[in-house]
Amino acid sequence: MFRRLAPLLCILAFALLLAACGDDDESGSSDSGSTAPAETETKAETTAEEPAEEGGCQEVDQPEPKPDGGAKPPKGKLDPGKTYQVVLETNCGDITIRLDQKVSPKTTASFANLAETGFYDDTFFHRIVPGFVIQGGDPTGTGTGGPGYSTVDVPPRNARYVQGVVAMAKAGNEPPGTSGSQFYVVTAPDAQLPPDYALLGKVVKGQDVVDTIGELGDPASGGLGTPLQPVVIEKASVVER
C-alpha cells in the first residue's frame, strides 16, 4: 500500500500510499517500495530542541538514517490468549497500539519483536498525508527500507481501514498481506482501501496524538506526504497482559 506510502493504490490519493515489504517469512526482500510517487529523502532539521506548546509537538532534530535490513524474524508467534500493546513514544506524545494477533499472527509477532529489539527507536514518520494516513517504520526514512525479511498475513475480505486502524505498508507488486517493518495509521474516517494490507491492530490510546501528527504533512506534496517537521519515534516498547 504504500511503500513510500505512496502506498496506496488506484485512486489518486491511494496510488501513493504504502510501501512496505516482501514475501513470506523467510523471503529475503524487505520493503521495496510501493505504489507511490518517486521516493524523496527528508533532510535532517537542525532546529534546536524546544519545549512543545500545549497540544503540539516538541521540536527535535530528525534522526540520522539507520542501516537497511539486518533484523532477524521472530522464532514464534504471540499468544492468542493474551493482549499485547505497543507503545510508541514520540515527540508529539505517546501512541498505544493494541495488536490483533488472532487476525495477523505473523505480522504482529514480527512487529512486537522489532519493537522489543529497538528497531523502531529513533526512526521517524516519513510520510504524512493529511486526512489519509501517517506512515513510519522505515529505518532509512526513504520509504523503501525494511527489516530484511517479510511476512504474509492475508487480511479478511471485509477488512476496513478506518480511523485508528493500524496496518502494514507494502509495494504494489507484492501479494496481499505482505509486510516488512513499515506501518501506517489511518487518520481518515475511512481510507477506502482494498483488503490488501495486513492488519496490525488499532490505536487504543493517543488518537489525539495521531490526529496532531496527521496535520503535519505538506498539503502541496500530495500523496508523497512530505512532513513539515520531524516526527520521531523515540522509543517503542511492548506491554503484555
Protein backbone atom coordinates (compact mmCIF):
# COMPACT_ATOMS: atom_id res chain seq x y z
CA MET A 1 0.00 0.00 0.00
CA PHE A 2 2.22 2.41 0.25
CA ARG A 3 5.69 1.73 0.39
CA ARG A 4 6.67 5.06 0.44
CA LEU A 5 3.31 5.43 1.21
CA ALA A 6 2.92 6.23 -1.86
CA PRO A 7 1.23 3.42 -0.51
CA LEU A 8 -1.96 3.37 -1.99
CA LEU A 9 -3.39 2.07 -4.98
CA CYS A 10 -5.54 3.08 -7.71
CA ILE A 11 -7.37 6.12 -6.64
CA LEU A 12 -5.16 9.06 -6.98
CA ALA A 13 -4.78 9.55 -3.33
CA PHE A 14 -4.26 5.92 -2.83
CA ALA A 15 -1.93 5.26 -5.62
CA LEU A 16 0.57 6.78 -3.35
CA LEU A 17 0.30 5.13 -0.08
CA LEU A 18 2.11 2.29 1.48
CA ALA A 19 5.34 0.81 0.77
CA ALA A 20 6.34 -1.88 2.94
CA CYS A 21 7.83 -5.18 2.25
CA GLY A 22 8.45 -8.56 0.73
CA ASP A 23 7.27 -12.05 0.80
CA ASP A 24 6.76 -14.73 3.30
CA ASP A 25 8.63 -15.40 6.48
CA GLU A 26 11.93 -16.32 5.01
CA SER A 27 11.79 -14.13 1.96
CA GLY A 28 14.97 -12.18 1.51
CA SER A 29 13.38 -8.94 0.40
CA SER A 30 12.13 -6.20 2.65
CA ASP A 31 10.09 -3.12 1.88
CA SER A 32 10.82 -2.36 -1.69
CA GLY A 33 8.65 0.49 -2.43
CA SER A 34 5.10 0.92 -3.02
CA THR A 35 2.63 2.05 -5.50
CA ALA A 36 3.51 5.59 -4.84
CA PRO A 37 5.37 8.51 -6.27
CA ALA A 38 9.06 8.67 -6.53
CA GLU A 39 10.85 8.42 -3.24
CA THR A 40 12.22 11.53 -1.73
CA GLU A 41 14.70 11.85 1.06
CA THR A 42 13.86 14.03 4.01
CA LYS A 43 16.75 16.19 5.05
CA ALA A 44 17.58 16.44 8.71
CA GLU A 45 16.41 19.51 10.54
CA THR A 46 18.90 21.50 12.52
CA THR A 47 16.44 23.18 14.85
CA ALA A 48 17.38 23.16 18.49
CA GLU A 49 15.18 21.13 20.78
CA GLU A 50 12.47 23.30 22.35
CA PRO A 51 9.56 22.62 24.66
CA ALA A 52 6.35 21.72 22.91
CA GLU A 53 3.40 24.03 23.00
CA GLU A 54 0.24 22.67 24.58
CA GLY A 55 -1.33 20.20 22.17
CA GLY A 56 1.66 20.38 19.85
CA CYS A 57 4.95 18.59 19.24
CA GLN A 58 8.35 19.16 20.74
CA GLU A 59 10.81 20.45 18.19
CA VAL A 60 13.57 17.90 17.69
CA ASP A 61 16.25 17.11 15.17
CA GLN A 62 15.49 14.40 12.67
CA PRO A 63 17.48 11.22 13.42
CA GLU A 64 20.18 10.05 11.06
CA PRO A 65 19.08 7.20 8.76
CA LYS A 66 19.67 3.71 10.12
CA PRO A 67 21.00 0.76 8.08
CA ASP A 68 18.51 -1.07 5.89
CA GLY A 69 17.77 -4.68 6.80
CA GLY A 70 19.77 -6.73 9.26
CA ALA A 71 16.89 -7.75 11.54
CA LYS A 72 16.06 -11.35 12.37
CA PRO A 73 12.48 -12.65 12.15
CA PRO A 74 10.83 -13.85 15.36
CA LYS A 75 11.07 -17.52 16.25
CA GLY A 76 7.45 -17.89 17.25
CA LYS A 77 4.03 -16.23 17.35
CA LEU A 78 2.33 -14.24 20.08
CA ASP A 79 -0.03 -15.98 22.48
CA PRO A 80 -3.56 -15.51 21.06
CA GLY A 81 -4.90 -15.73 24.60
CA LYS A 82 -3.02 -12.65 25.77
CA THR A 83 -3.24 -8.95 24.96
CA TYR A 84 -0.23 -7.18 23.53
CA GLN A 85 0.16 -3.45 23.16
CA VAL A 86 3.00 -1.50 21.58
CA VAL A 87 3.61 1.98 22.94
CA LEU A 88 5.27 4.44 20.54
CA GLU A 89 6.85 7.34 22.42
CA THR A 90 7.07 10.28 20.02
CA ASN A 91 7.97 13.94 20.31
CA CYS A 92 4.25 14.62 19.85
CA GLY A 93 3.13 12.28 22.64
CA ASP A 94 2.56 8.56 23.14
CA ILE A 95 0.53 6.28 20.87
CA THR A 96 -0.65 2.89 22.14
CA ILE A 97 -1.48 0.20 19.57
CA ARG A 98 -3.30 -2.98 20.58
CA LEU A 99 -2.06 -5.81 18.36
CA ASP A 100 -4.50 -8.21 16.69
CA GLN A 101 -2.51 -11.44 16.81
CA LYS A 102 -5.56 -13.56 16.02
CA VAL A 103 -6.09 -11.99 12.59
CA SER A 104 -2.40 -11.43 11.80
CA PRO A 105 -0.21 -13.83 13.82
CA LYS A 106 2.96 -13.46 11.74
CA THR A 107 2.65 -9.71 11.30
CA THR A 108 2.08 -8.98 14.98
CA ALA A 109 4.87 -11.31 16.13
CA SER A 110 7.26 -9.55 13.76
CA PHE A 111 6.16 -6.06 14.80
CA ALA A 112 6.45 -6.87 18.51
CA ASN A 113 9.86 -8.43 18.01
CA LEU A 114 11.12 -5.41 16.08
CA ALA A 115 9.81 -3.10 18.80
CA GLU A 116 11.45 -5.13 21.56
CA THR A 117 14.82 -5.18 19.81
CA GLY A 118 14.90 -1.41 19.30
CA PHE A 119 14.39 -1.48 15.54
CA TYR A 120 11.85 1.36 15.65
CA ASP A 121 13.74 3.51 18.15
CA ASP A 122 14.98 6.80 16.69
CA THR A 123 13.08 6.41 13.43
CA PHE A 124 10.53 8.88 12.11
CA PHE A 125 7.24 9.18 10.28
CA HIS A 126 8.48 9.74 6.74
CA ARG A 127 5.04 10.09 5.17
CA ILE A 128 2.18 12.20 6.46
CA VAL A 129 -0.81 12.73 4.19
CA PRO A 130 -3.39 14.96 5.93
CA GLY A 131 -6.81 13.34 6.06
CA PHE A 132 -5.44 9.98 4.98
CA VAL A 133 -2.57 8.26 6.86
CA ILE A 134 0.68 8.71 8.73
CA GLN A 135 3.41 6.19 7.86
CA GLY A 136 6.60 5.16 9.60
CA GLY A 137 8.74 2.16 10.41
CA ASP A 138 11.38 2.64 7.72
CA PRO A 139 14.89 2.66 9.25
CA THR A 140 16.25 4.59 6.27
CA GLY A 141 13.46 7.17 6.22
CA THR A 142 13.27 6.99 2.43
CA GLY A 143 10.13 4.89 2.09
CA THR A 144 11.99 1.87 0.72
CA GLY A 145 13.65 0.40 3.81
CA GLY A 146 12.72 -2.57 5.93
CA PRO A 147 13.97 -5.31 8.25
CA GLY A 148 15.47 -7.53 5.58
CA TYR A 149 12.67 -10.10 5.65
CA SER A 150 8.92 -10.14 5.18
CA THR A 151 5.84 -11.94 6.44
CA VAL A 152 2.41 -12.58 4.94
CA ASP A 153 -0.97 -12.48 6.68
CA VAL A 154 -3.71 -12.10 4.10
CA PRO A 155 -6.37 -9.77 5.58
CA PRO A 156 -10.04 -10.80 5.62
CA ARG A 157 -12.04 -9.72 2.59
CA ASN A 158 -14.20 -7.49 4.78
CA ALA A 159 -11.22 -5.61 6.23
CA ARG A 160 -11.85 -1.89 6.55
CA TYR A 161 -9.17 0.74 7.00
CA VAL A 162 -10.94 3.32 9.14
CA GLN A 163 -9.66 5.94 11.57
CA GLY A 164 -7.34 4.45 14.17
CA VAL A 165 -6.69 1.22 12.30
CA VAL A 166 -3.00 0.32 12.00
CA ALA A 167 -1.89 -1.74 9.00
CA MET A 168 1.31 -2.63 7.22
CA ALA A 169 2.55 -0.97 4.06
CA LYS A 170 3.68 -2.95 1.04
CA ALA A 171 4.85 -2.47 -2.50
CA GLY A 172 2.18 -2.57 -5.19
CA ASN A 173 3.66 -5.67 -6.82
CA GLU A 174 3.71 -7.70 -3.60
CA PRO A 175 0.98 -10.19 -2.65
CA PRO A 176 -1.85 -9.05 -0.36
CA GLY A 177 -0.89 -9.14 3.30
CA THR A 178 2.85 -8.83 2.72
CA SER A 179 4.68 -6.71 5.27
CA GLY A 180 8.13 -5.81 6.50
CA SER A 181 8.51 -3.05 9.08
CA GLN A 182 6.68 -0.08 7.57
CA PHE A 183 3.26 0.59 9.05
CA TYR A 184 0.61 3.26 8.77
CA VAL A 185 -2.15 4.64 10.96
CA VAL A 186 -5.35 5.70 9.21
CA THR A 187 -6.41 9.27 10.01
CA ALA A 188 -9.33 9.43 7.54
CA PRO A 189 -12.81 8.36 8.70
CA ASP A 190 -12.46 5.66 6.03
CA ALA A 191 -9.42 5.41 3.76
CA GLN A 192 -11.45 3.26 1.36
CA LEU A 193 -8.53 0.95 0.69
CA PRO A 194 -8.90 -2.57 -0.71
CA PRO A 195 -8.21 -5.50 1.67
CA ASP A 196 -4.59 -5.77 0.58
CA TYR A 197 -2.73 -4.60 3.69
CA ALA A 198 -2.02 -6.81 6.69
CA LEU A 199 -3.94 -5.61 9.73
CA LEU A 200 -1.66 -4.91 12.68
CA GLY A 201 -4.16 -3.60 15.22
CA LYS A 202 -5.83 -0.43 16.43
CA VAL A 203 -4.91 2.71 18.33
CA VAL A 204 -6.44 2.42 21.82
CA LYS A 205 -4.76 5.43 23.39
CA GLY A 206 -3.23 8.56 21.88
CA GLN A 207 -5.62 9.09 18.97
CA ASP A 208 -5.28 12.81 19.69
CA VAL A 209 -1.54 12.43 19.14
CA VAL A 210 -2.17 10.65 15.85
CA ASP A 211 -4.51 13.47 14.79
CA THR A 212 -1.88 16.07 15.67
CA ILE A 213 0.76 14.26 13.63
CA GLY A 214 -1.73 13.86 10.79
CA GLU A 215 -1.82 17.62 10.32
CA LEU A 216 1.95 17.88 9.88
CA GLY A 217 2.10 16.86 6.24
CA ASP A 218 2.68 19.41 3.49
CA PRO A 219 -0.60 19.64 1.50
CA ALA A 220 1.38 20.75 -1.53
CA SER A 221 3.23 17.42 -1.60
CA GLY A 222 0.04 15.44 -2.24
CA GLY A 223 0.34 11.68 -1.81
CA LEU A 224 4.06 11.94 -1.12
CA GLY A 225 3.14 13.29 2.29
CA THR A 226 6.28 15.31 2.95
CA PRO A 227 6.44 16.11 6.69
CA LEU A 228 6.53 19.77 7.69
CA GLN A 229 8.65 18.94 10.73
CA PRO A 230 10.34 15.83 12.17
CA VAL A 231 8.02 13.44 14.00
CA VAL A 232 10.28 10.94 15.76
CA ILE A 233 9.54 7.58 17.34
CA GLU A 234 11.94 7.95 20.25
CA LYS A 235 11.18 4.53 21.69
CA ALA A 236 8.84 1.59 21.06
CA SER A 237 8.02 -0.86 23.84
CA VAL A 238 5.78 -3.91 24.21
CA VAL A 239 3.30 -4.34 27.07
CA GLU A 240 1.94 -7.86 27.62
CA ARG A 241 -1.21 -8.55 29.64
